[in-house]
mmCIF file of all heavy atoms, coordinates in Angstrom:
data_MODEL
# 
_entry.id   MODEL 
# 
loop_
_atom_site.group_PDB 
_atom_site.id 
_atom_site.type_symbol 
_atom_site.label_atom_id 
_atom_site.label_alt_id 
_atom_site.label_comp_id 
_atom_site.label_asym_id 
_atom_site.label_entity_id 
_atom_site.label_seq_id 
_atom_site.pdbx_PDB_ins_code 
_atom_site.Cartn_x 
_atom_site.Cartn_y 
_atom_site.Cartn_z 
_atom_site.occupancy 
_atom_site.B_iso_or_equiv 
_atom_site.pdbx_formal_charge 
_atom_site.auth_seq_id 
_atom_site.auth_comp_id 
_atom_site.auth_asym_id 
_atom_site.auth_atom_id 
_atom_site.pdbx_PDB_model_num 
ATOM 1   N N   . THR A 1 1  ? -3.358  60.229 -56.061 1.00 0.00 ? 1  THR A N   1 
ATOM 2   C CA  . THR A 1 1  ? -4.687  60.602 -55.652 1.00 0.00 ? 1  THR A CA  1 
ATOM 3   C C   . THR A 1 1  ? -4.618  61.877 -54.841 1.00 0.00 ? 1  THR A C   1 
ATOM 4   O O   . THR A 1 1  ? -3.569  62.211 -54.285 1.00 0.00 ? 1  THR A O   1 
ATOM 5   C CB  . THR A 1 1  ? -5.364  59.470 -54.855 1.00 0.00 ? 1  THR A CB  1 
ATOM 6   O OG1 . THR A 1 1  ? -6.739  59.780 -54.604 1.00 0.00 ? 1  THR A OG1 1 
ATOM 7   C CG2 . THR A 1 1  ? -4.655  59.248 -53.526 1.00 0.00 ? 1  THR A CG2 1 
ATOM 8   N N   . ILE A 1 2  ? -5.729  62.609 -54.775 1.00 0.00 ? 2  ILE A N   1 
ATOM 9   C CA  . ILE A 1 2  ? -5.744  63.915 -54.140 1.00 0.00 ? 2  ILE A CA  1 
ATOM 10  C C   . ILE A 1 2  ? -7.129  64.139 -53.479 1.00 0.00 ? 2  ILE A C   1 
ATOM 11  O O   . ILE A 1 2  ? -8.174  63.751 -54.016 1.00 0.00 ? 2  ILE A O   1 
ATOM 12  C CB  . ILE A 1 2  ? -5.450  65.030 -55.166 1.00 0.00 ? 2  ILE A CB  1 
ATOM 13  C CG1 . ILE A 1 2  ? -5.295  66.384 -54.518 1.00 0.00 ? 2  ILE A CG1 1 
ATOM 14  C CG2 . ILE A 1 2  ? -6.526  65.049 -56.263 1.00 0.00 ? 2  ILE A CG2 1 
ATOM 15  C CD1 . ILE A 1 2  ? -4.710  67.430 -55.472 1.00 0.00 ? 2  ILE A CD1 1 
ATOM 16  N N   . SER A 1 3  ? -7.098  64.780 -52.312 1.00 0.00 ? 3  SER A N   1 
ATOM 17  C CA  . SER A 1 3  ? -8.331  65.056 -51.573 1.00 0.00 ? 3  SER A CA  1 
ATOM 18  C C   . SER A 1 3  ? -9.097  66.186 -52.271 1.00 0.00 ? 3  SER A C   1 
ATOM 19  O O   . SER A 1 3  ? -8.627  66.846 -53.186 1.00 0.00 ? 3  SER A O   1 
ATOM 20  C CB  . SER A 1 3  ? -8.025  65.465 -50.127 1.00 0.00 ? 3  SER A CB  1 
ATOM 21  O OG  . SER A 1 3  ? -7.231  66.630 -50.067 1.00 0.00 ? 3  SER A OG  1 
ATOM 22  N N   . TRP A 1 4  ? -10.324 66.407 -51.786 1.00 0.00 ? 4  TRP A N   1 
ATOM 23  C CA  . TRP A 1 4  ? -11.220 67.369 -52.422 1.00 0.00 ? 4  TRP A CA  1 
ATOM 24  C C   . TRP A 1 4  ? -10.650 68.770 -52.541 1.00 0.00 ? 4  TRP A C   1 
ATOM 25  O O   . TRP A 1 4  ? -10.958 69.482 -53.505 1.00 0.00 ? 4  TRP A O   1 
ATOM 26  C CB  . TRP A 1 4  ? -12.545 67.436 -51.603 1.00 0.00 ? 4  TRP A CB  1 
ATOM 27  C CG  . TRP A 1 4  ? -12.380 68.096 -50.262 1.00 0.00 ? 4  TRP A CG  1 
ATOM 28  C CD1 . TRP A 1 4  ? -11.831 67.571 -49.145 1.00 0.00 ? 4  TRP A CD1 1 
ATOM 29  C CD2 . TRP A 1 4  ? -12.748 69.428 -49.941 1.00 0.00 ? 4  TRP A CD2 1 
ATOM 30  N NE1 . TRP A 1 4  ? -11.847 68.486 -48.119 1.00 0.00 ? 4  TRP A NE1 1 
ATOM 31  C CE2 . TRP A 1 4  ? -12.397 69.644 -48.579 1.00 0.00 ? 4  TRP A CE2 1 
ATOM 32  C CE3 . TRP A 1 4  ? -13.305 70.485 -50.664 1.00 0.00 ? 4  TRP A CE3 1 
ATOM 33  C CZ2 . TRP A 1 4  ? -12.617 70.863 -47.945 1.00 0.00 ? 4  TRP A CZ2 1 
ATOM 34  C CZ3 . TRP A 1 4  ? -13.553 71.696 -50.015 1.00 0.00 ? 4  TRP A CZ3 1 
ATOM 35  C CH2 . TRP A 1 4  ? -13.183 71.870 -48.678 1.00 0.00 ? 4  TRP A CH2 1 
ATOM 36  N N   . ASN A 1 5  ? -9.845  69.185 -51.559 1.00 0.00 ? 5  ASN A N   1 
ATOM 37  C CA  . ASN A 1 5  ? -9.288  70.558 -51.569 1.00 0.00 ? 5  ASN A CA  1 
ATOM 38  C C   . ASN A 1 5  ? -7.805  70.599 -51.902 1.00 0.00 ? 5  ASN A C   1 
ATOM 39  O O   . ASN A 1 5  ? -7.190  71.644 -51.792 1.00 0.00 ? 5  ASN A O   1 
ATOM 40  C CB  . ASN A 1 5  ? -9.539  71.208 -50.217 1.00 0.00 ? 5  ASN A CB  1 
ATOM 41  C CG  . ASN A 1 5  ? -8.892  70.466 -49.060 1.00 0.00 ? 5  ASN A CG  1 
ATOM 42  O OD1 . ASN A 1 5  ? -8.320  69.377 -49.264 1.00 0.00 ? 5  ASN A OD1 1 
ATOM 43  N ND2 . ASN A 1 5  ? -8.935  71.030 -47.874 1.00 0.00 ? 5  ASN A ND2 1 
ATOM 44  N N   . GLY A 1 6  ? -7.229  69.449 -52.273 1.00 0.00 ? 6  GLY A N   1 
ATOM 45  C CA  . GLY A 1 6  ? -5.848  69.401 -52.630 1.00 0.00 ? 6  GLY A CA  1 
ATOM 46  C C   . GLY A 1 6  ? -4.892  69.321 -51.467 1.00 0.00 ? 6  GLY A C   1 
ATOM 47  O O   . GLY A 1 6  ? -3.662  69.291 -51.708 1.00 0.00 ? 6  GLY A O   1 
ATOM 48  N N   . ALA A 1 7  ? -5.372  69.266 -50.253 1.00 0.00 ? 7  ALA A N   1 
ATOM 49  C CA  . ALA A 1 7  ? -4.520  69.271 -49.085 1.00 0.00 ? 7  ALA A CA  1 
ATOM 50  C C   . ALA A 1 7  ? -3.785  67.968 -48.858 1.00 0.00 ? 7  ALA A C   1 
ATOM 51  O O   . ALA A 1 7  ? -2.695  67.960 -48.247 1.00 0.00 ? 7  ALA A O   1 
ATOM 52  C CB  . ALA A 1 7  ? -5.341  69.622 -47.835 1.00 0.00 ? 7  ALA A CB  1 
ATOM 53  N N   . ILE A 1 8  ? -4.324  66.847 -49.316 1.00 0.00 ? 8  ILE A N   1 
ATOM 54  C CA  . ILE A 1 8  ? -3.740  65.533 -49.067 1.00 0.00 ? 8  ILE A CA  1 
ATOM 55  C C   . ILE A 1 8  ? -3.493  64.865 -50.417 1.00 0.00 ? 8  ILE A C   1 
ATOM 56  O O   . ILE A 1 8  ? -4.385  64.776 -51.252 1.00 0.00 ? 8  ILE A O   1 
ATOM 57  C CB  . ILE A 1 8  ? -4.648  64.667 -48.225 1.00 0.00 ? 8  ILE A CB  1 
ATOM 58  C CG1 . ILE A 1 8  ? -4.968  65.334 -46.887 1.00 0.00 ? 8  ILE A CG1 1 
ATOM 59  C CG2 . ILE A 1 8  ? -4.016  63.304 -47.972 1.00 0.00 ? 8  ILE A CG2 1 
ATOM 60  C CD1 . ILE A 1 8  ? -6.024  64.620 -46.079 1.00 0.00 ? 8  ILE A CD1 1 
ATOM 61  N N   . THR A 1 9  ? -2.282  64.373 -50.614 1.00 0.00 ? 9  THR A N   1 
ATOM 62  C CA  . THR A 1 9  ? -1.933  63.639 -51.820 1.00 0.00 ? 9  THR A CA  1 
ATOM 63  C C   . THR A 1 9  ? -1.136  62.399 -51.489 1.00 0.00 ? 9  THR A C   1 
ATOM 64  O O   . THR A 1 9  ? -0.408  62.363 -50.488 1.00 0.00 ? 9  THR A O   1 
ATOM 65  C CB  . THR A 1 9  ? -1.085  64.507 -52.792 1.00 0.00 ? 9  THR A CB  1 
ATOM 66  O OG1 . THR A 1 9  ? 0.110   64.938 -52.138 1.00 0.00 ? 9  THR A OG1 1 
ATOM 67  C CG2 . THR A 1 9  ? -1.879  65.725 -53.250 1.00 0.00 ? 9  THR A CG2 1 
ATOM 68  N N   . TYR A 1 10 ? -1.277  61.379 -52.306 1.00 0.00 ? 10 TYR A N   1 
ATOM 69  C CA  . TYR A 1 10 ? -0.509  60.140 -52.191 1.00 0.00 ? 10 TYR A CA  1 
ATOM 70  C C   . TYR A 1 10 ? -0.049  59.725 -53.563 1.00 0.00 ? 10 TYR A C   1 
ATOM 71  O O   . TYR A 1 10 ? -0.749  59.933 -54.572 1.00 0.00 ? 10 TYR A O   1 
ATOM 72  C CB  . TYR A 1 10 ? -1.331  59.011 -51.578 1.00 0.00 ? 10 TYR A CB  1 
ATOM 73  C CG  . TYR A 1 10 ? -1.795  59.295 -50.166 1.00 0.00 ? 10 TYR A CG  1 
ATOM 74  C CD1 . TYR A 1 10 ? -3.145  59.577 -49.906 1.00 0.00 ? 10 TYR A CD1 1 
ATOM 75  C CD2 . TYR A 1 10 ? -0.914  59.246 -49.098 1.00 0.00 ? 10 TYR A CD2 1 
ATOM 76  C CE1 . TYR A 1 10 ? -3.566  59.844 -48.625 1.00 0.00 ? 10 TYR A CE1 1 
ATOM 77  C CE2 . TYR A 1 10 ? -1.357  59.508 -47.806 1.00 0.00 ? 10 TYR A CE2 1 
ATOM 78  C CZ  . TYR A 1 10 ? -2.678  59.816 -47.576 1.00 0.00 ? 10 TYR A CZ  1 
ATOM 79  O OH  . TYR A 1 10 ? -3.101  60.041 -46.297 1.00 0.00 ? 10 TYR A OH  1 
ATOM 80  N N   . TYR A 1 11 ? 1.139   59.110 -53.645 1.00 0.00 ? 11 TYR A N   1 
ATOM 81  C CA  . TYR A 1 11 ? 1.727   58.699 -54.887 1.00 0.00 ? 11 TYR A CA  1 
ATOM 82  C C   . TYR A 1 11 ? 2.227   57.277 -54.836 1.00 0.00 ? 11 TYR A C   1 
ATOM 83  O O   . TYR A 1 11 ? 2.658   56.788 -53.791 1.00 0.00 ? 11 TYR A O   1 
ATOM 84  C CB  . TYR A 1 11 ? 2.914   59.596 -55.257 1.00 0.00 ? 11 TYR A CB  1 
ATOM 85  C CG  . TYR A 1 11 ? 2.563   61.040 -55.495 1.00 0.00 ? 11 TYR A CG  1 
ATOM 86  C CD1 . TYR A 1 11 ? 2.575   61.937 -54.442 1.00 0.00 ? 11 TYR A CD1 1 
ATOM 87  C CD2 . TYR A 1 11 ? 2.220   61.497 -56.754 1.00 0.00 ? 11 TYR A CD2 1 
ATOM 88  C CE1 . TYR A 1 11 ? 2.260   63.279 -54.638 1.00 0.00 ? 11 TYR A CE1 1 
ATOM 89  C CE2 . TYR A 1 11 ? 1.898   62.846 -56.962 1.00 0.00 ? 11 TYR A CE2 1 
ATOM 90  C CZ  . TYR A 1 11 ? 1.929   63.744 -55.897 1.00 0.00 ? 11 TYR A CZ  1 
ATOM 91  O OH  . TYR A 1 11 ? 1.598   65.039 -56.104 1.00 0.00 ? 11 TYR A OH  1 
ATOM 92  N N   . ALA A 1 12 ? 2.203   56.614 -55.966 1.00 0.00 ? 12 ALA A N   1 
ATOM 93  C CA  . ALA A 1 12 ? 2.839   55.319 -56.084 1.00 0.00 ? 12 ALA A CA  1 
ATOM 94  C C   . ALA A 1 12 ? 4.341   55.499 -55.957 1.00 0.00 ? 12 ALA A C   1 
ATOM 95  O O   . ALA A 1 12 ? 4.904   56.519 -56.385 1.00 0.00 ? 12 ALA A O   1 
ATOM 96  C CB  . ALA A 1 12 ? 2.515   54.652 -57.414 1.00 0.00 ? 12 ALA A CB  1 
ATOM 97  N N   . ASP A 1 13 ? 5.028   54.539 -55.349 1.00 0.00 ? 13 ASP A N   1 
ATOM 98  C CA  . ASP A 1 13 ? 6.482   54.630 -55.216 1.00 0.00 ? 13 ASP A CA  1 
ATOM 99  C C   . ASP A 1 13 ? 7.192   54.806 -56.527 1.00 0.00 ? 13 ASP A C   1 
ATOM 100 O O   . ASP A 1 13 ? 8.231   55.500 -56.586 1.00 0.00 ? 13 ASP A O   1 
ATOM 101 C CB  . ASP A 1 13 ? 7.024   53.388 -54.495 1.00 0.00 ? 13 ASP A CB  1 
ATOM 102 C CG  . ASP A 1 13 ? 6.620   53.326 -53.015 1.00 0.00 ? 13 ASP A CG  1 
ATOM 103 O OD1 . ASP A 1 13 ? 6.249   54.345 -52.458 1.00 0.00 ? 13 ASP A OD1 1 
ATOM 104 O OD2 . ASP A 1 13 ? 6.733   52.218 -52.455 1.00 0.00 ? 13 ASP A OD2 1 
ATOM 105 N N   . SER A 1 14 ? 6.662   54.263 -57.574 1.00 0.00 ? 14 SER A N   1 
ATOM 106 C CA  . SER A 1 14 ? 7.289   54.327 -58.880 1.00 0.00 ? 14 SER A CA  1 
ATOM 107 C C   . SER A 1 14 ? 7.314   55.706 -59.501 1.00 0.00 ? 14 SER A C   1 
ATOM 108 O O   . SER A 1 14 ? 8.102   55.987 -60.392 1.00 0.00 ? 14 SER A O   1 
ATOM 109 C CB  . SER A 1 14 ? 6.615   53.347 -59.855 1.00 0.00 ? 14 SER A CB  1 
ATOM 110 O OG  . SER A 1 14 ? 5.248   53.659 -60.003 1.00 0.00 ? 14 SER A OG  1 
ATOM 111 N N   . VAL A 1 15 ? 6.432   56.606 -59.029 1.00 0.00 ? 15 VAL A N   1 
ATOM 112 C CA  . VAL A 1 15 ? 6.354   57.966 -59.600 1.00 0.00 ? 15 VAL A CA  1 
ATOM 113 C C   . VAL A 1 15 ? 6.661   59.055 -58.601 1.00 0.00 ? 15 VAL A C   1 
ATOM 114 O O   . VAL A 1 15 ? 6.798   60.222 -59.001 1.00 0.00 ? 15 VAL A O   1 
ATOM 115 C CB  . VAL A 1 15 ? 4.962   58.221 -60.241 1.00 0.00 ? 15 VAL A CB  1 
ATOM 116 C CG1 . VAL A 1 15 ? 4.621   57.118 -61.228 1.00 0.00 ? 15 VAL A CG1 1 
ATOM 117 C CG2 . VAL A 1 15 ? 3.884   58.330 -59.160 1.00 0.00 ? 15 VAL A CG2 1 
ATOM 118 N N   . LYS A 1 16 ? 6.780   58.714 -57.332 1.00 0.00 ? 16 LYS A N   1 
ATOM 119 C CA  . LYS A 1 16 ? 7.009   59.717 -56.318 1.00 0.00 ? 16 LYS A CA  1 
ATOM 120 C C   . LYS A 1 16 ? 8.311   60.487 -56.589 1.00 0.00 ? 16 LYS A C   1 
ATOM 121 O O   . LYS A 1 16 ? 9.335   59.916 -56.861 1.00 0.00 ? 16 LYS A O   1 
ATOM 122 C CB  . LYS A 1 16 ? 7.092   59.071 -54.929 1.00 0.00 ? 16 LYS A CB  1 
ATOM 123 C CG  . LYS A 1 16 ? 7.097   60.055 -53.776 1.00 0.00 ? 16 LYS A CG  1 
ATOM 124 C CD  . LYS A 1 16 ? 6.997   59.344 -52.442 1.00 0.00 ? 16 LYS A CD  1 
ATOM 125 C CE  . LYS A 1 16 ? 6.899   60.328 -51.307 1.00 0.00 ? 16 LYS A CE  1 
ATOM 126 N NZ  . LYS A 1 16 ? 6.780   59.664 -49.983 1.00 0.00 ? 16 LYS A NZ  1 
ATOM 127 N N   . GLY A 1 17 ? 8.217   61.809 -56.500 1.00 0.00 ? 17 GLY A N   1 
ATOM 128 C CA  . GLY A 1 17 ? 9.343   62.669 -56.795 1.00 0.00 ? 17 GLY A CA  1 
ATOM 129 C C   . GLY A 1 17 ? 9.443   63.101 -58.239 1.00 0.00 ? 17 GLY A C   1 
ATOM 130 O O   . GLY A 1 17 ? 10.190  64.033 -58.549 1.00 0.00 ? 17 GLY A O   1 
ATOM 131 N N   . ARG A 1 18 ? 8.687   62.447 -59.120 1.00 0.00 ? 18 ARG A N   1 
ATOM 132 C CA  . ARG A 1 18 ? 8.680   62.776 -60.525 1.00 0.00 ? 18 ARG A CA  1 
ATOM 133 C C   . ARG A 1 18 ? 7.330   63.346 -61.003 1.00 0.00 ? 18 ARG A C   1 
ATOM 134 O O   . ARG A 1 18 ? 7.273   64.209 -61.862 1.00 0.00 ? 18 ARG A O   1 
ATOM 135 C CB  . ARG A 1 18 ? 9.025   61.557 -61.377 1.00 0.00 ? 18 ARG A CB  1 
ATOM 136 C CG  . ARG A 1 18 ? 10.404  60.987 -61.082 1.00 0.00 ? 18 ARG A CG  1 
ATOM 137 C CD  . ARG A 1 18 ? 10.764  59.900 -62.079 1.00 0.00 ? 18 ARG A CD  1 
ATOM 138 N NE  . ARG A 1 18 ? 9.846   58.767 -62.020 1.00 0.00 ? 18 ARG A NE  1 
ATOM 139 C CZ  . ARG A 1 18 ? 9.084   58.344 -63.035 1.00 0.00 ? 18 ARG A CZ  1 
ATOM 140 N NH1 . ARG A 1 18 ? 9.157   58.961 -64.218 1.00 0.00 ? 18 ARG A NH1 1 
ATOM 141 N NH2 . ARG A 1 18 ? 8.273   57.301 -62.892 1.00 0.00 ? 18 ARG A NH2 1 
ATOM 142 N N   . PHE A 1 19 ? 6.252   62.822 -60.443 1.00 0.00 ? 19 PHE A N   1 
ATOM 143 C CA  . PHE A 1 19 ? 4.897   63.238 -60.809 1.00 0.00 ? 19 PHE A CA  1 
ATOM 144 C C   . PHE A 1 19 ? 4.278   64.114 -59.736 1.00 0.00 ? 19 PHE A C   1 
ATOM 145 O O   . PHE A 1 19 ? 4.536   63.914 -58.548 1.00 0.00 ? 19 PHE A O   1 
ATOM 146 C CB  . PHE A 1 19 ? 3.984   62.055 -61.049 1.00 0.00 ? 19 PHE A CB  1 
ATOM 147 C CG  . PHE A 1 19 ? 4.307   61.207 -62.246 1.00 0.00 ? 19 PHE A CG  1 
ATOM 148 C CD1 . PHE A 1 19 ? 5.468   61.395 -62.967 1.00 0.00 ? 19 PHE A CD1 1 
ATOM 149 C CD2 . PHE A 1 19 ? 3.429   60.225 -62.659 1.00 0.00 ? 19 PHE A CD2 1 
ATOM 150 C CE1 . PHE A 1 19 ? 5.782   60.605 -64.073 1.00 0.00 ? 19 PHE A CE1 1 
ATOM 151 C CE2 . PHE A 1 19 ? 3.696   59.451 -63.772 1.00 0.00 ? 19 PHE A CE2 1 
ATOM 152 C CZ  . PHE A 1 19 ? 4.881   59.615 -64.482 1.00 0.00 ? 19 PHE A CZ  1 
ATOM 153 N N   . THR A 1 20 ? 3.416   65.042 -60.123 1.00 0.00 ? 20 THR A N   1 
ATOM 154 C CA  . THR A 1 20 ? 2.687   65.870 -59.195 1.00 0.00 ? 20 THR A CA  1 
ATOM 155 C C   . THR A 1 20 ? 1.226   65.972 -59.570 1.00 0.00 ? 20 THR A C   1 
ATOM 156 O O   . THR A 1 20 ? 0.910   66.346 -60.710 1.00 0.00 ? 20 THR A O   1 
ATOM 157 C CB  . THR A 1 20 ? 3.277   67.310 -59.126 1.00 0.00 ? 20 THR A CB  1 
ATOM 158 O OG1 . THR A 1 20 ? 4.668   67.247 -58.772 1.00 0.00 ? 20 THR A OG1 1 
ATOM 159 C CG2 . THR A 1 20 ? 2.531   68.144 -58.079 1.00 0.00 ? 20 THR A CG2 1 
ATOM 160 N N   . ILE A 1 21 ? 0.337   65.605 -58.675 1.00 0.00 ? 21 ILE A N   1 
ATOM 161 C CA  . ILE A 1 21 ? -1.090  65.694 -58.887 1.00 0.00 ? 21 ILE A CA  1 
ATOM 162 C C   . ILE A 1 21 ? -1.578  67.010 -58.298 1.00 0.00 ? 21 ILE A C   1 
ATOM 163 O O   . ILE A 1 21 ? -1.143  67.408 -57.222 1.00 0.00 ? 21 ILE A O   1 
ATOM 164 C CB  . ILE A 1 21 ? -1.850  64.511 -58.308 1.00 0.00 ? 21 ILE A CB  1 
ATOM 165 C CG1 . ILE A 1 21 ? -3.317  64.524 -58.719 1.00 0.00 ? 21 ILE A CG1 1 
ATOM 166 C CG2 . ILE A 1 21 ? -1.696  64.432 -56.799 1.00 0.00 ? 21 ILE A CG2 1 
ATOM 167 C CD1 . ILE A 1 21 ? -4.088  63.273 -58.342 1.00 0.00 ? 21 ILE A CD1 1 
ATOM 168 N N   . SER A 1 22 ? -2.474  67.696 -58.992 1.00 0.00 ? 22 SER A N   1 
ATOM 169 C CA  . SER A 1 22 ? -3.015  68.948 -58.497 1.00 0.00 ? 22 SER A CA  1 
ATOM 170 C C   . SER A 1 22 ? -4.404  69.124 -59.063 1.00 0.00 ? 22 SER A C   1 
ATOM 171 O O   . SER A 1 22 ? -4.848  68.399 -59.959 1.00 0.00 ? 22 SER A O   1 
ATOM 172 C CB  . SER A 1 22 ? -2.122  70.131 -58.885 1.00 0.00 ? 22 SER A CB  1 
ATOM 173 O OG  . SER A 1 22 ? -2.043  70.293 -60.298 1.00 0.00 ? 22 SER A OG  1 
ATOM 174 N N   . ARG A 1 23 ? -5.125  70.104 -58.520 1.00 0.00 ? 23 ARG A N   1 
ATOM 175 C CA  . ARG A 1 23 ? -6.498  70.365 -59.010 1.00 0.00 ? 23 ARG A CA  1 
ATOM 176 C C   . ARG A 1 23 ? -6.821  71.830 -58.935 1.00 0.00 ? 23 ARG A C   1 
ATOM 177 O O   . ARG A 1 23 ? -6.273  72.572 -58.133 1.00 0.00 ? 23 ARG A O   1 
ATOM 178 C CB  . ARG A 1 23 ? -7.501  69.539 -58.233 1.00 0.00 ? 23 ARG A CB  1 
ATOM 179 C CG  . ARG A 1 23 ? -7.596  69.913 -56.756 1.00 0.00 ? 23 ARG A CG  1 
ATOM 180 C CD  . ARG A 1 23 ? -8.389  68.869 -55.966 1.00 0.00 ? 23 ARG A CD  1 
ATOM 181 N NE  . ARG A 1 23 ? -9.745  68.761 -56.462 1.00 0.00 ? 23 ARG A NE  1 
ATOM 182 C CZ  . ARG A 1 23 ? -10.549 67.712 -56.264 1.00 0.00 ? 23 ARG A CZ  1 
ATOM 183 N NH1 . ARG A 1 23 ? -10.090 66.669 -55.575 1.00 0.00 ? 23 ARG A NH1 1 
ATOM 184 N NH2 . ARG A 1 23 ? -11.768 67.690 -56.760 1.00 0.00 ? 23 ARG A NH2 1 
ATOM 185 N N   . ASP A 1 24 ? -7.740  72.242 -59.788 1.00 0.00 ? 24 ASP A N   1 
ATOM 186 C CA  . ASP A 1 24 ? -8.270  73.604 -59.794 1.00 0.00 ? 24 ASP A CA  1 
ATOM 187 C C   . ASP A 1 24 ? -9.773  73.477 -59.824 1.00 0.00 ? 24 ASP A C   1 
ATOM 188 O O   . ASP A 1 24 ? -10.370 73.308 -60.882 1.00 0.00 ? 24 ASP A O   1 
ATOM 189 C CB  . ASP A 1 24 ? -7.736  74.408 -60.997 1.00 0.00 ? 24 ASP A CB  1 
ATOM 190 C CG  . ASP A 1 24 ? -8.126  75.877 -60.931 1.00 0.00 ? 24 ASP A CG  1 
ATOM 191 O OD1 . ASP A 1 24 ? -9.093  76.225 -60.222 1.00 0.00 ? 24 ASP A OD1 1 
ATOM 192 O OD2 . ASP A 1 24 ? -7.443  76.677 -61.574 1.00 0.00 ? 24 ASP A OD2 1 
ATOM 193 N N   . ASN A 1 25 ? -10.381 73.526 -58.654 1.00 0.00 ? 25 ASN A N   1 
ATOM 194 C CA  . ASN A 1 25 ? -11.827 73.298 -58.574 1.00 0.00 ? 25 ASN A CA  1 
ATOM 195 C C   . ASN A 1 25 ? -12.623 74.395 -59.265 1.00 0.00 ? 25 ASN A C   1 
ATOM 196 O O   . ASN A 1 25 ? -13.725 74.156 -59.760 1.00 0.00 ? 25 ASN A O   1 
ATOM 197 C CB  . ASN A 1 25 ? -12.255 73.168 -57.105 1.00 0.00 ? 25 ASN A CB  1 
ATOM 198 C CG  . ASN A 1 25 ? -11.829 71.864 -56.487 1.00 0.00 ? 25 ASN A CG  1 
ATOM 199 O OD1 . ASN A 1 25 ? -11.417 70.924 -57.185 1.00 0.00 ? 25 ASN A OD1 1 
ATOM 200 N ND2 . ASN A 1 25 ? -11.915 71.774 -55.145 1.00 0.00 ? 25 ASN A ND2 1 
ATOM 201 N N   . ALA A 1 26 ? -12.087 75.596 -59.307 1.00 0.00 ? 26 ALA A N   1 
ATOM 202 C CA  . ALA A 1 26 ? -12.763 76.702 -59.974 1.00 0.00 ? 26 ALA A CA  1 
ATOM 203 C C   . ALA A 1 26 ? -12.874 76.427 -61.471 1.00 0.00 ? 26 ALA A C   1 
ATOM 204 O O   . ALA A 1 26 ? -13.834 76.860 -62.122 1.00 0.00 ? 26 ALA A O   1 
ATOM 205 C CB  . ALA A 1 26 ? -12.027 78.013 -59.743 1.00 0.00 ? 26 ALA A CB  1 
ATOM 206 N N   . LYS A 1 27 ? -11.889 75.713 -62.029 1.00 0.00 ? 27 LYS A N   1 
ATOM 207 C CA  . LYS A 1 27 ? -11.911 75.329 -63.443 1.00 0.00 ? 27 LYS A CA  1 
ATOM 208 C C   . LYS A 1 27 ? -12.440 73.924 -63.657 1.00 0.00 ? 27 LYS A C   1 
ATOM 209 O O   . LYS A 1 27 ? -12.515 73.446 -64.805 1.00 0.00 ? 27 LYS A O   1 
ATOM 210 C CB  . LYS A 1 27 ? -10.485 75.433 -64.037 1.00 0.00 ? 27 LYS A CB  1 
ATOM 211 C CG  . LYS A 1 27 ? -9.943  76.835 -64.022 1.00 0.00 ? 27 LYS A CG  1 
ATOM 212 C CD  . LYS A 1 27 ? -8.542  76.864 -64.638 1.00 0.00 ? 27 LYS A CD  1 
ATOM 213 C CE  . LYS A 1 27 ? -7.996  78.288 -64.695 1.00 0.00 ? 27 LYS A CE  1 
ATOM 214 N NZ  . LYS A 1 27 ? -6.648  78.343 -65.294 1.00 0.00 ? 27 LYS A NZ  1 
ATOM 215 N N   . ASN A 1 28 ? -12.798 73.265 -62.576 1.00 0.00 ? 28 ASN A N   1 
ATOM 216 C CA  . ASN A 1 28 ? -13.331 71.886 -62.632 1.00 0.00 ? 28 ASN A CA  1 
ATOM 217 C C   . ASN A 1 28 ? -12.373 70.935 -63.369 1.00 0.00 ? 28 ASN A C   1 
ATOM 218 O O   . ASN A 1 28 ? -12.797 70.141 -64.188 1.00 0.00 ? 28 ASN A O   1 
ATOM 219 C CB  . ASN A 1 28 ? -14.690 71.869 -63.314 1.00 0.00 ? 28 ASN A CB  1 
ATOM 220 C CG  . ASN A 1 28 ? -15.718 71.027 -62.617 1.00 0.00 ? 28 ASN A CG  1 
ATOM 221 O OD1 . ASN A 1 28 ? -15.623 70.790 -61.389 1.00 0.00 ? 28 ASN A OD1 1 
ATOM 222 N ND2 . ASN A 1 28 ? -16.709 70.573 -63.352 1.00 0.00 ? 28 ASN A ND2 1 
ATOM 223 N N   . THR A 1 29 ? -11.080 71.060 -63.015 1.00 0.00 ? 29 THR A N   1 
ATOM 224 C CA  . THR A 1 29 ? -10.046 70.341 -63.743 1.00 0.00 ? 29 THR A CA  1 
ATOM 225 C C   . THR A 1 29 ? -9.033  69.715 -62.791 1.00 0.00 ? 29 THR A C   1 
ATOM 226 O O   . THR A 1 29 ? -8.636  70.338 -61.797 1.00 0.00 ? 29 THR A O   1 
ATOM 227 C CB  . THR A 1 29 ? -9.334  71.276 -64.723 1.00 0.00 ? 29 THR A CB  1 
ATOM 228 O OG1 . THR A 1 29 ? -10.271 71.861 -65.621 1.00 0.00 ? 29 THR A OG1 1 
ATOM 229 C CG2 . THR A 1 29 ? -8.300  70.514 -65.553 1.00 0.00 ? 29 THR A CG2 1 
# 
């Protein structure tokens, strides 16, 4: 999960270190 501006993220233990969540609000993606 990720905060509105991308500043805060949390991951499940099973994926931490392997997955990265990010966002581009300008692209609405």
